[in-house]
Amino acid sequence: GDTSDNDPTNSDSTLFMGSLKYKLPDSLGPLGGASLYYAVINGAGADTNEQDNHYVSLENLALGVEGLTYKLAIDWTDKDVGADSTIIGHYLSYAINEKVTLNARIEMGNVNQGTGESLAFGANQNLDGLESYTIGVDYKLWENVTSRIEWRVDDADNVTSDQETLGINIVYSF
C-alpha cells in the first residue's frame, strides 16, 4: 500500500469519501422499489499519484417472479498514473424459501493494479477481458449465520488458463 496517505508530513493530498442511496418510487413500474446507489473515494494517494474509486449500482430490482431479484453494479478506478480499471457485474438471486437462496454472478471488465508483469490471477493483476462466472447457494443456519457454497471461474485475455475456485463459507452478520 501507499503509506503516504498516513504520513502526517504529506500535506499535498486531500481525500474525500461519500455515498448516496435513493429508493425509486413505486410509480416507476418495474423499477419501483429498486435503489440507486453511488459511492466515491476521491483523491486517495500522494498528490502526483492519486486514485479515484467509483461504485454505482441499481439494487433490488424485482423481476416479476416472487423471490427473484437482479442487481447491476459498475465499479471503476481512475488513476493519475497507470491504467484505469472497470468491472461491470450482474447479480441474480432467487430465494427458494426463507432459508435457501440461489445466486448467479457475472463480472466483466479489466483490472489494472500492481506494477509487476504477472499474467496470473493474484496480487499483481493486469487483466484485460476479465470474465468471472459464479454460481452458489446460501443456506441460513441461524439468525445472522449463513452458510455459502460457491463455484467460480475466472478468465482473461492475457492469461493462459482460467482459475476455478470452490468456496465454502460460514458468514456471521452483525
C-alpha atoms as a PDB file:
ATOM      1  CA  GLY A   1       0.000   0.000   0.000  1.00  0.00           C
ATOM      2  CA  ASP A   2       0.911   3.645  -0.262  1.00  0.00           C
ATOM      3  CA  THR A   3       1.989   4.809   3.193  1.00  0.00           C
ATOM      4  CA  SER A   4       1.986   8.452   2.099  1.00  0.00           C
ATOM      5  CA  ASP A   5      -1.766   8.541   2.872  1.00  0.00           C
ATOM      6  CA  ASN A   6      -0.935   8.106   6.563  1.00  0.00           C
ATOM      7  CA  ASP A   7       2.182  10.280   6.626  1.00  0.00           C
ATOM      8  CA  PRO A   8       1.460  13.431   8.694  1.00  0.00           C
ATOM      9  CA  THR A   9       4.199  15.303   6.792  1.00  0.00           C
ATOM     10  CA  ASN A  10       2.400  14.724   3.470  1.00  0.00           C
ATOM     11  CA  SER A  11       0.132  17.754   3.116  1.00  0.00           C
ATOM     12  CA  ASP A  12      -0.205  17.519  -0.658  1.00  0.00           C
ATOM     13  CA  SER A  13      -3.268  15.295  -0.871  1.00  0.00           C
ATOM     14  CA  THR A  14      -6.869  15.505   0.257  1.00  0.00           C
ATOM     15  CA  LEU A  15      -9.155  12.502   0.407  1.00  0.00           C
ATOM     16  CA  PHE A  16     -12.940  12.754   0.001  1.00  0.00           C
ATOM     17  CA  MET A  17     -15.348   9.896   0.645  1.00  0.00           C
ATOM     18  CA  GLY A  18     -19.093   9.847   0.215  1.00  0.00           C
ATOM     19  CA  SER A  19     -22.122   7.853  -0.817  1.00  0.00           C
ATOM     20  CA  LEU A  20     -25.738   8.408  -1.816  1.00  0.00           C
ATOM     21  CA  LYS A  21     -28.647   5.988  -1.940  1.00  0.00           C
ATOM     22  CA  TYR A  22     -32.059   6.709  -3.442  1.00  0.00           C
ATOM     23  CA  LYS A  23     -35.043   4.367  -3.408  1.00  0.00           C
ATOM     24  CA  LEU A  24     -37.038   4.723  -6.612  1.00  0.00           C
ATOM     25  CA  PRO A  25     -40.761   5.468  -6.150  1.00  0.00           C
ATOM     26  CA  ASP A  26     -43.318   2.714  -6.762  1.00  0.00           C
ATOM     27  CA  SER A  27     -44.834   4.851  -9.545  1.00  0.00           C
ATOM     28  CA  LEU A  28     -41.909   3.840 -11.817  1.00  0.00           C
ATOM     29  CA  GLY A  29     -43.478   0.435 -12.528  1.00  0.00           C
ATOM     30  CA  PRO A  30     -40.857  -2.335 -12.802  1.00  0.00           C
ATOM     31  CA  LEU A  31     -38.154  -0.035 -11.390  1.00  0.00           C
ATOM     32  CA  GLY A  32     -40.325   0.917  -8.396  1.00  0.00           C
ATOM     33  CA  GLY A  33     -38.813  -0.052  -5.052  1.00  0.00           C
ATOM     34  CA  ALA A  34     -35.330  -0.554  -6.512  1.00  0.00           C
ATOM     35  CA  SER A  35     -32.447   1.528  -5.160  1.00  0.00           C
ATOM     36  CA  LEU A  36     -29.803   3.573  -6.941  1.00  0.00           C
ATOM     37  CA  TYR A  37     -26.509   3.752  -5.070  1.00  0.00           C
ATOM     38  CA  TYR A  38     -23.305   5.734  -5.667  1.00  0.00           C
ATOM     39  CA  ALA A  39     -20.108   5.753  -3.621  1.00  0.00           C
ATOM     40  CA  VAL A  40     -16.797   7.534  -4.224  1.00  0.00           C
ATOM     41  CA  ILE A  41     -13.329   7.696  -2.729  1.00  0.00           C
ATOM     42  CA  ASN A  42     -11.699  10.677  -4.408  1.00  0.00           C
ATOM     43  CA  GLY A  43      -8.034  11.654  -4.161  1.00  0.00           C
ATOM     44  CA  ALA A  44      -6.509   8.622  -2.455  1.00  0.00           C
ATOM     45  CA  GLY A  45      -2.713   8.571  -2.595  1.00  0.00           C
ATOM     46  CA  ALA A  46       0.060  11.106  -2.968  1.00  0.00           C
ATOM     47  CA  ASP A  47      -0.809  14.261  -4.898  1.00  0.00           C
ATOM     48  CA  THR A  48       1.080  13.149  -8.028  1.00  0.00           C
ATOM     49  CA  ASN A  49      -0.291   9.584  -7.916  1.00  0.00           C
ATOM     50  CA  GLU A  50      -3.924   9.910  -6.862  1.00  0.00           C
ATOM     51  CA  GLN A  51      -6.605   7.327  -7.453  1.00  0.00           C
ATOM     52  CA  ASP A  52     -10.381   7.845  -7.554  1.00  0.00           C
ATOM     53  CA  ASN A  53     -12.689   4.888  -6.918  1.00  0.00           C
ATOM     54  CA  HIS A  54     -16.348   4.934  -8.008  1.00  0.00           C
ATOM     55  CA  TYR A  55     -19.177   2.467  -7.465  1.00  0.00           C
ATOM     56  CA  VAL A  56     -22.679   2.677  -8.957  1.00  0.00           C
ATOM     57  CA  SER A  57     -25.443   0.111  -8.570  1.00  0.00           C
ATOM     58  CA  LEU A  58     -29.087  -0.498  -9.280  1.00  0.00           C
ATOM     59  CA  GLU A  59     -30.118  -2.798  -6.429  1.00  0.00           C
ATOM     60  CA  ASN A  60     -33.154  -4.922  -5.546  1.00  0.00           C
ATOM     61  CA  LEU A  61     -34.706  -4.790  -8.982  1.00  0.00           C
ATOM     62  CA  ALA A  62     -37.760  -7.077  -8.890  1.00  0.00           C
ATOM     63  CA  LEU A  63     -38.188  -9.228 -11.979  1.00  0.00           C
ATOM     64  CA  GLY A  64     -41.865 -10.128 -11.630  1.00  0.00           C
ATOM     65  CA  VAL A  65     -41.194 -13.539 -10.071  1.00  0.00           C
ATOM     66  CA  GLU A  66     -41.612 -13.867  -6.312  1.00  0.00           C
ATOM     67  CA  GLY A  67     -38.144 -14.170  -4.717  1.00  0.00           C
ATOM     68  CA  LEU A  68     -36.172 -13.286  -7.896  1.00  0.00           C
ATOM     69  CA  THR A  69     -34.028 -10.109  -7.821  1.00  0.00           C
ATOM     70  CA  TYR A  70     -31.384  -8.520 -10.034  1.00  0.00           C
ATOM     71  CA  LYS A  71     -28.568  -6.091  -9.292  1.00  0.00           C
ATOM     72  CA  LEU A  72     -26.350  -4.209 -11.745  1.00  0.00           C
ATOM     73  CA  ALA A  73     -23.068  -2.846 -10.378  1.00  0.00           C
ATOM     74  CA  ILE A  74     -20.330  -0.821 -12.060  1.00  0.00           C
ATOM     75  CA  ASP A  75     -17.034  -0.325 -10.266  1.00  0.00           C
ATOM     76  CA  TRP A  76     -14.243   1.764 -11.783  1.00  0.00           C
ATOM     77  CA  THR A  77     -10.919   3.265 -10.767  1.00  0.00           C
ATOM     78  CA  ASP A  78      -9.390   6.378 -12.342  1.00  0.00           C
ATOM     79  CA  LYS A  79      -5.635   6.701 -11.760  1.00  0.00           C
ATOM     80  CA  ASP A  80      -3.299   9.645 -12.299  1.00  0.00           C
ATOM     81  CA  VAL A  81      -0.520   7.139 -13.081  1.00  0.00           C
ATOM     82  CA  GLY A  82      -1.159   3.766 -14.712  1.00  0.00           C
ATOM     83  CA  ALA A  83      -4.131   2.213 -16.447  1.00  0.00           C
ATOM     84  CA  ASP A  84      -7.680   2.533 -15.146  1.00  0.00           C
ATOM     85  CA  SER A  85      -9.861  -0.437 -14.135  1.00  0.00           C
ATOM     86  CA  THR A  86     -13.539  -1.135 -14.788  1.00  0.00           C
ATOM     87  CA  ILE A  87     -15.728  -4.050 -13.698  1.00  0.00           C
ATOM     88  CA  ILE A  88     -19.413  -4.461 -14.596  1.00  0.00           C
ATOM     89  CA  GLY A  89     -21.301  -7.024 -12.552  1.00  0.00           C
ATOM     90  CA  HIS A  90     -24.692  -8.673 -12.961  1.00  0.00           C
ATOM     91  CA  TYR A  91     -26.121 -10.390  -9.866  1.00  0.00           C
ATOM     92  CA  LEU A  92     -29.175 -12.631  -9.921  1.00  0.00           C
ATOM     93  CA  SER A  93     -30.670 -14.145  -6.754  1.00  0.00           C
ATOM     94  CA  TYR A  94     -33.619 -16.439  -6.245  1.00  0.00           C
ATOM     95  CA  ALA A  95     -34.933 -17.037  -2.718  1.00  0.00           C
ATOM     96  CA  ILE A  96     -36.422 -20.525  -2.793  1.00  0.00           C
ATOM     97  CA  ASN A  97     -37.693 -20.111   0.765  1.00  0.00           C
ATOM     98  CA  GLU A  98     -36.720 -18.311   3.986  1.00  0.00           C
ATOM     99  CA  LYS A  99     -33.549 -20.397   4.350  1.00  0.00           C
ATOM    100  CA  VAL A 100     -32.254 -21.157   0.814  1.00  0.00           C
ATOM    101  CA  THR A 101     -31.157 -18.671  -1.875  1.00  0.00           C
ATOM    102  CA  LEU A 102     -29.608 -19.493  -5.264  1.00  0.00           C
ATOM    103  CA  ASN A 103     -27.135 -16.930  -6.623  1.00  0.00           C
ATOM    104  CA  ALA A 104     -25.502 -16.306 -10.008  1.00  0.00           C
ATOM    105  CA  ARG A 105     -22.949 -13.598 -10.764  1.00  0.00           C
ATOM    106  CA  ILE A 106     -21.249 -12.472 -13.975  1.00  0.00           C
ATOM    107  CA  GLU A 107     -18.494  -9.857 -13.816  1.00  0.00           C
ATOM    108  CA  MET A 108     -16.650  -8.470 -16.846  1.00  0.00           C
ATOM    109  CA  GLY A 109     -14.078  -5.777 -17.443  1.00  0.00           C
ATOM    110  CA  ASN A 110     -10.414  -5.059 -16.900  1.00  0.00           C
ATOM    111  CA  VAL A 111      -8.296  -4.890 -13.756  1.00  0.00           C
ATOM    112  CA  ASN A 112      -5.054  -2.920 -13.773  1.00  0.00           C
ATOM    113  CA  GLN A 113      -3.288  -2.932 -10.451  1.00  0.00           C
ATOM    114  CA  GLY A 114       0.211  -3.703  -9.392  1.00  0.00           C
ATOM    115  CA  THR A 115       3.351  -2.929 -11.314  1.00  0.00           C
ATOM    116  CA  GLY A 116       4.605  -6.447 -11.984  1.00  0.00           C
ATOM    117  CA  GLU A 117       4.433  -8.335 -15.240  1.00  0.00           C
ATOM    118  CA  SER A 118       2.333 -11.044 -13.600  1.00  0.00           C
ATOM    119  CA  LEU A 119      -0.124 -12.623 -16.007  1.00  0.00           C
ATOM    120  CA  ALA A 120      -1.735 -14.841 -13.380  1.00  0.00           C
ATOM    121  CA  PHE A 121      -4.613 -14.248 -11.026  1.00  0.00           C
ATOM    122  CA  GLY A 122      -3.179 -12.792  -7.842  1.00  0.00           C
ATOM    123  CA  ALA A 123      -1.930  -9.664  -6.145  1.00  0.00           C
ATOM    124  CA  ASN A 124      -0.268  -8.088  -9.200  1.00  0.00           C
ATOM    125  CA  GLN A 125      -3.022  -8.172 -11.768  1.00  0.00           C
ATOM    126  CA  ASN A 126      -3.096  -6.530 -15.157  1.00  0.00           C
ATOM    127  CA  LEU A 127      -6.008  -8.328 -16.738  1.00  0.00           C
ATOM    128  CA  ASP A 128      -7.877  -7.329 -19.887  1.00  0.00           C
ATOM    129  CA  GLY A 129     -11.077  -9.016 -20.995  1.00  0.00           C
ATOM    130  CA  LEU A 130     -11.654 -10.375 -17.498  1.00  0.00           C
ATOM    131  CA  GLU A 131     -14.712 -12.613 -17.177  1.00  0.00           C
ATOM    132  CA  SER A 132     -15.835 -14.173 -13.895  1.00  0.00           C
ATOM    133  CA  TYR A 133     -18.783 -16.529 -13.538  1.00  0.00           C
ATOM    134  CA  THR A 134     -20.030 -17.613 -10.112  1.00  0.00           C
ATOM    135  CA  ILE A 135     -22.907 -19.821  -9.020  1.00  0.00           C
ATOM    136  CA  GLY A 136     -23.748 -20.595  -5.430  1.00  0.00           C
ATOM    137  CA  VAL A 137     -26.234 -21.466  -2.742  1.00  0.00           C
ATOM    138  CA  ASP A 138     -26.808 -19.681   0.577  1.00  0.00           C
ATOM    139  CA  TYR A 139     -28.407 -21.557   3.467  1.00  0.00           C
ATOM    140  CA  LYS A 140     -29.464 -19.665   6.589  1.00  0.00           C
ATOM    141  CA  LEU A 141     -28.319 -21.785   9.539  1.00  0.00           C
ATOM    142  CA  TRP A 142     -29.489 -19.488  12.363  1.00  0.00           C
ATOM    143  CA  GLU A 143     -30.359 -15.842  12.855  1.00  0.00           C
ATOM    144  CA  ASN A 144     -27.378 -13.830  11.483  1.00  0.00           C
ATOM    145  CA  VAL A 145     -25.489 -17.011  10.413  1.00  0.00           C
ATOM    146  CA  THR A 146     -25.465 -18.172   6.777  1.00  0.00           C
ATOM    147  CA  SER A 147     -23.537 -20.957   5.097  1.00  0.00           C
ATOM    148  CA  ARG A 148     -22.497 -20.471   1.489  1.00  0.00           C
ATOM    149  CA  ILE A 149     -21.003 -22.683  -1.183  1.00  0.00           C
ATOM    150  CA  GLU A 150     -19.837 -21.097  -4.450  1.00  0.00           C
ATOM    151  CA  TRP A 151     -18.099 -22.234  -7.612  1.00  0.00           C
ATOM    152  CA  ARG A 152     -16.297 -19.516  -9.584  1.00  0.00           C
ATOM    153  CA  VAL A 153     -14.416 -19.457 -12.896  1.00  0.00           C
ATOM    154  CA  ASP A 154     -12.156 -16.513 -13.833  1.00  0.00           C
ATOM    155  CA  ASP A 155     -10.639 -15.994 -17.269  1.00  0.00           C
ATOM    156  CA  ALA A 156      -8.876 -13.096 -19.011  1.00  0.00           C
ATOM    157  CA  ASP A 157      -7.446 -12.386 -22.461  1.00  0.00           C
ATOM    158  CA  ASN A 158      -3.827 -12.324 -21.311  1.00  0.00           C
ATOM    159  CA  VAL A 159      -3.737 -15.475 -19.153  1.00  0.00           C
ATOM    160  CA  THR A 160      -3.046 -18.954 -20.479  1.00  0.00           C
ATOM    161  CA  SER A 161      -5.534 -20.814 -18.271  1.00  0.00           C
ATOM    162  CA  ASP A 162      -8.593 -19.978 -16.266  1.00  0.00           C
ATOM    163  CA  GLN A 163      -8.838 -20.123 -12.490  1.00  0.00           C
ATOM    164  CA  GLU A 164     -11.524 -22.193 -10.806  1.00  0.00           C
ATOM    165  CA  THR A 165     -12.426 -21.752  -7.147  1.00  0.00           C
ATOM    166  CA  LEU A 166     -14.732 -23.669  -4.858  1.00  0.00           C
ATOM    167  CA  GLY A 167     -15.566 -21.648  -1.764  1.00  0.00           C
ATOM    168  CA  ILE A 168     -17.323 -22.859   1.353  1.00  0.00           C
ATOM    169  CA  ASN A 169     -18.083 -20.175   3.931  1.00  0.00           C
ATOM    170  CA  ILE A 170     -19.883 -19.621   7.194  1.00  0.00           C
ATOM    171  CA  VAL A 171     -20.877 -15.948   7.423  1.00  0.00           C
ATOM    172  CA  TYR A 172     -21.870 -14.200  10.652  1.00  0.00           C
ATOM    173  CA  SER A 173     -23.583 -10.838  10.100  1.00  0.00           C
ATOM    174  CA  PHE A 174     -23.734  -8.275  12.866  1.00  0.00           C
END
